[in-house]
Amino acid sequence: MKSYMTARERNELRGVYLNNMKVGADGETPVIKEIPGSIVEESERKLIGLTVVSYDGSQENILERILDSSPEEYDFVVAEANKIGKGNFPLAK
């Protein structure tokens, strides 16, 4: 797995949510009106694609092989990828 995501990659991941949201307004306050449930799966697939560089020693068909693994293995990969996505890096001064 990568040790970090670039800002560009992070923005690609955010785009999964932003491109699928329907936003309205409650007065002057923006309100999220609708988010499709499929967005969770789509964002996890994007996250895996952005952070996992090889799986079980191979760079081929990473996502498909992870999807064909056990649910526990998939959940582990997503959890580790989420750590990378969050960054946990100190802010630049």
C-alpha atoms as a PDB file:
ATOM      1  CA  MET A   1       0.000   0.000   0.000  1.00  0.00           C
ATOM      2  CA  LYS A   2       1.036   3.553  -0.498  1.00  0.00           C
ATOM      3  CA  SER A   3       2.127   5.453   2.574  1.00  0.00           C
ATOM      4  CA  TYR A   4       0.051   8.512   1.624  1.00  0.00           C
ATOM      5  CA  MET A   5      -2.297   9.909  -1.014  1.00  0.00           C
ATOM      6  CA  THR A   6      -1.569  13.068  -2.936  1.00  0.00           C
ATOM      7  CA  ALA A   7      -4.015  15.953  -2.797  1.00  0.00           C
ATOM      8  CA  ARG A   8      -5.055  15.067  -6.349  1.00  0.00           C
ATOM      9  CA  GLU A   9      -5.830  11.476  -5.334  1.00  0.00           C
ATOM     10  CA  ARG A  10      -7.694  12.638  -2.242  1.00  0.00           C
ATOM     11  CA  ASN A  11      -9.758  14.957  -4.392  1.00  0.00           C
ATOM     12  CA  GLU A  12     -10.555  12.090  -6.780  1.00  0.00           C
ATOM     13  CA  LEU A  13     -11.931  10.163  -3.827  1.00  0.00           C
ATOM     14  CA  ARG A  14     -13.937  13.166  -2.627  1.00  0.00           C
ATOM     15  CA  GLY A  15     -15.275  13.507  -6.157  1.00  0.00           C
ATOM     16  CA  VAL A  16     -17.062  10.178  -5.808  1.00  0.00           C
ATOM     17  CA  TYR A  17     -19.220  11.757  -3.110  1.00  0.00           C
ATOM     18  CA  LEU A  18     -19.474  15.232  -4.580  1.00  0.00           C
ATOM     19  CA  ASN A  19     -20.464  14.013  -8.040  1.00  0.00           C
ATOM     20  CA  ASN A  20     -23.259  11.854  -6.623  1.00  0.00           C
ATOM     21  CA  MET A  21     -24.766  14.226  -4.038  1.00  0.00           C
ATOM     22  CA  LYS A  22     -27.897  16.224  -4.567  1.00  0.00           C
ATOM     23  CA  VAL A  23     -27.688  19.437  -2.629  1.00  0.00           C
ATOM     24  CA  GLY A  24     -30.434  21.928  -1.953  1.00  0.00           C
ATOM     25  CA  ALA A  25     -30.918  24.830   0.386  1.00  0.00           C
ATOM     26  CA  ASP A  26     -32.791  25.361   3.615  1.00  0.00           C
ATOM     27  CA  GLY A  27     -32.988  29.106   3.528  1.00  0.00           C
ATOM     28  CA  GLU A  28     -29.391  30.181   3.033  1.00  0.00           C
ATOM     29  CA  THR A  29     -27.909  26.954   4.409  1.00  0.00           C
ATOM     30  CA  PRO A  30     -26.892  24.245   1.921  1.00  0.00           C
ATOM     31  CA  VAL A  31     -28.414  20.864   2.760  1.00  0.00           C
ATOM     32  CA  ILE A  32     -27.549  17.430   1.385  1.00  0.00           C
ATOM     33  CA  LYS A  33     -30.835  16.152  -0.004  1.00  0.00           C
ATOM     34  CA  GLU A  34     -29.801  12.783  -1.382  1.00  0.00           C
ATOM     35  CA  ILE A  35     -26.810  10.449  -1.425  1.00  0.00           C
ATOM     36  CA  PRO A  36     -27.235   7.076  -3.149  1.00  0.00           C
ATOM     37  CA  GLY A  37     -26.369   4.041  -1.017  1.00  0.00           C
ATOM     38  CA  SER A  38     -24.143   2.712  -3.796  1.00  0.00           C
ATOM     39  CA  ILE A  39     -21.704   5.509  -3.063  1.00  0.00           C
ATOM     40  CA  VAL A  40     -20.138   3.514  -0.218  1.00  0.00           C
ATOM     41  CA  GLU A  41     -19.134   0.679  -2.527  1.00  0.00           C
ATOM     42  CA  GLU A  42     -18.016   3.076  -5.254  1.00  0.00           C
ATOM     43  CA  SER A  43     -15.866   5.062  -2.836  1.00  0.00           C
ATOM     44  CA  GLU A  44     -14.279   1.900  -1.378  1.00  0.00           C
ATOM     45  CA  ARG A  45     -13.376   0.706  -4.871  1.00  0.00           C
ATOM     46  CA  LYS A  46     -11.862   4.093  -5.694  1.00  0.00           C
ATOM     47  CA  LEU A  47      -9.971   4.096  -2.374  1.00  0.00           C
ATOM     48  CA  ILE A  48      -8.514   0.652  -3.068  1.00  0.00           C
ATOM     49  CA  GLY A  49      -7.546   1.727  -6.574  1.00  0.00           C
ATOM     50  CA  LEU A  50      -5.758   4.804  -5.257  1.00  0.00           C
ATOM     51  CA  THR A  51      -3.897   3.216  -2.344  1.00  0.00           C
ATOM     52  CA  VAL A  52      -3.166  -0.470  -3.011  1.00  0.00           C
ATOM     53  CA  VAL A  53      -0.145  -0.953  -5.266  1.00  0.00           C
ATOM     54  CA  SER A  54       0.017  -4.758  -5.075  1.00  0.00           C
ATOM     55  CA  TYR A  55      -1.950  -7.563  -3.516  1.00  0.00           C
ATOM     56  CA  ASP A  56      -0.478 -10.913  -2.567  1.00  0.00           C
ATOM     57  CA  GLY A  57       2.719  -9.972  -4.400  1.00  0.00           C
ATOM     58  CA  SER A  58       1.069  -9.051  -7.715  1.00  0.00           C
ATOM     59  CA  GLN A  59       0.003  -5.787  -9.318  1.00  0.00           C
ATOM     60  CA  GLU A  60      -2.509  -7.439 -11.645  1.00  0.00           C
ATOM     61  CA  ASN A  61      -6.271  -7.208 -11.137  1.00  0.00           C
ATOM     62  CA  ILE A  62      -5.827  -5.927  -7.590  1.00  0.00           C
ATOM     63  CA  LEU A  63      -9.407  -4.833  -7.010  1.00  0.00           C
ATOM     64  CA  GLU A  64     -10.925  -7.973  -8.516  1.00  0.00           C
ATOM     65  CA  ARG A  65      -8.701 -10.252  -6.432  1.00  0.00           C
ATOM     66  CA  ILE A  66      -9.503  -8.315  -3.260  1.00  0.00           C
ATOM     67  CA  LEU A  67     -13.218  -8.560  -4.072  1.00  0.00           C
ATOM     68  CA  ASP A  68     -12.810 -12.319  -4.523  1.00  0.00           C
ATOM     69  CA  SER A  69     -11.106 -12.664  -1.122  1.00  0.00           C
ATOM     70  CA  SER A  70     -12.909 -13.150   2.181  1.00  0.00           C
ATOM     71  CA  PRO A  71     -15.043 -10.327   3.581  1.00  0.00           C
ATOM     72  CA  GLU A  72     -12.587 -10.035   6.486  1.00  0.00           C
ATOM     73  CA  GLU A  73      -9.663  -9.572   4.085  1.00  0.00           C
ATOM     74  CA  TYR A  74     -11.590  -6.965   2.089  1.00  0.00           C
ATOM     75  CA  ASP A  75     -12.578  -5.099   5.263  1.00  0.00           C
ATOM     76  CA  PHE A  76      -8.952  -5.148   6.456  1.00  0.00           C
ATOM     77  CA  VAL A  77      -7.739  -3.656   3.163  1.00  0.00           C
ATOM     78  CA  VAL A  78     -10.421  -0.942   3.272  1.00  0.00           C
ATOM     79  CA  ALA A  79      -9.582  -0.110   6.902  1.00  0.00           C
ATOM     80  CA  GLU A  80      -5.869   0.196   6.107  1.00  0.00           C
ATOM     81  CA  ALA A  81      -6.604   2.245   2.983  1.00  0.00           C
ATOM     82  CA  ASN A  82      -8.810   4.570   5.049  1.00  0.00           C
ATOM     83  CA  LYS A  83      -5.853   5.241   7.348  1.00  0.00           C
ATOM     84  CA  ILE A  84      -3.879   6.373   4.302  1.00  0.00           C
ATOM     85  CA  GLY A  85      -6.801   8.445   3.056  1.00  0.00           C
ATOM     86  CA  LYS A  86      -7.117  10.279   6.357  1.00  0.00           C
ATOM     87  CA  GLY A  87      -3.417  11.068   6.329  1.00  0.00           C
ATOM     88  CA  ASN A  88      -2.865  11.774  10.019  1.00  0.00           C
ATOM     89  CA  PHE A  89      -0.007  14.050   9.009  1.00  0.00           C
ATOM     90  CA  PRO A  90       0.855  17.258  10.867  1.00  0.00           C
ATOM     91  CA  LEU A  91      -0.396  20.381   9.160  1.00  0.00           C
ATOM     92  CA  ALA A  92       2.153  22.412   7.242  1.00  0.00           C
ATOM     93  CA  LYS A  93       3.264  25.603   8.932  1.00  0.00           C
END
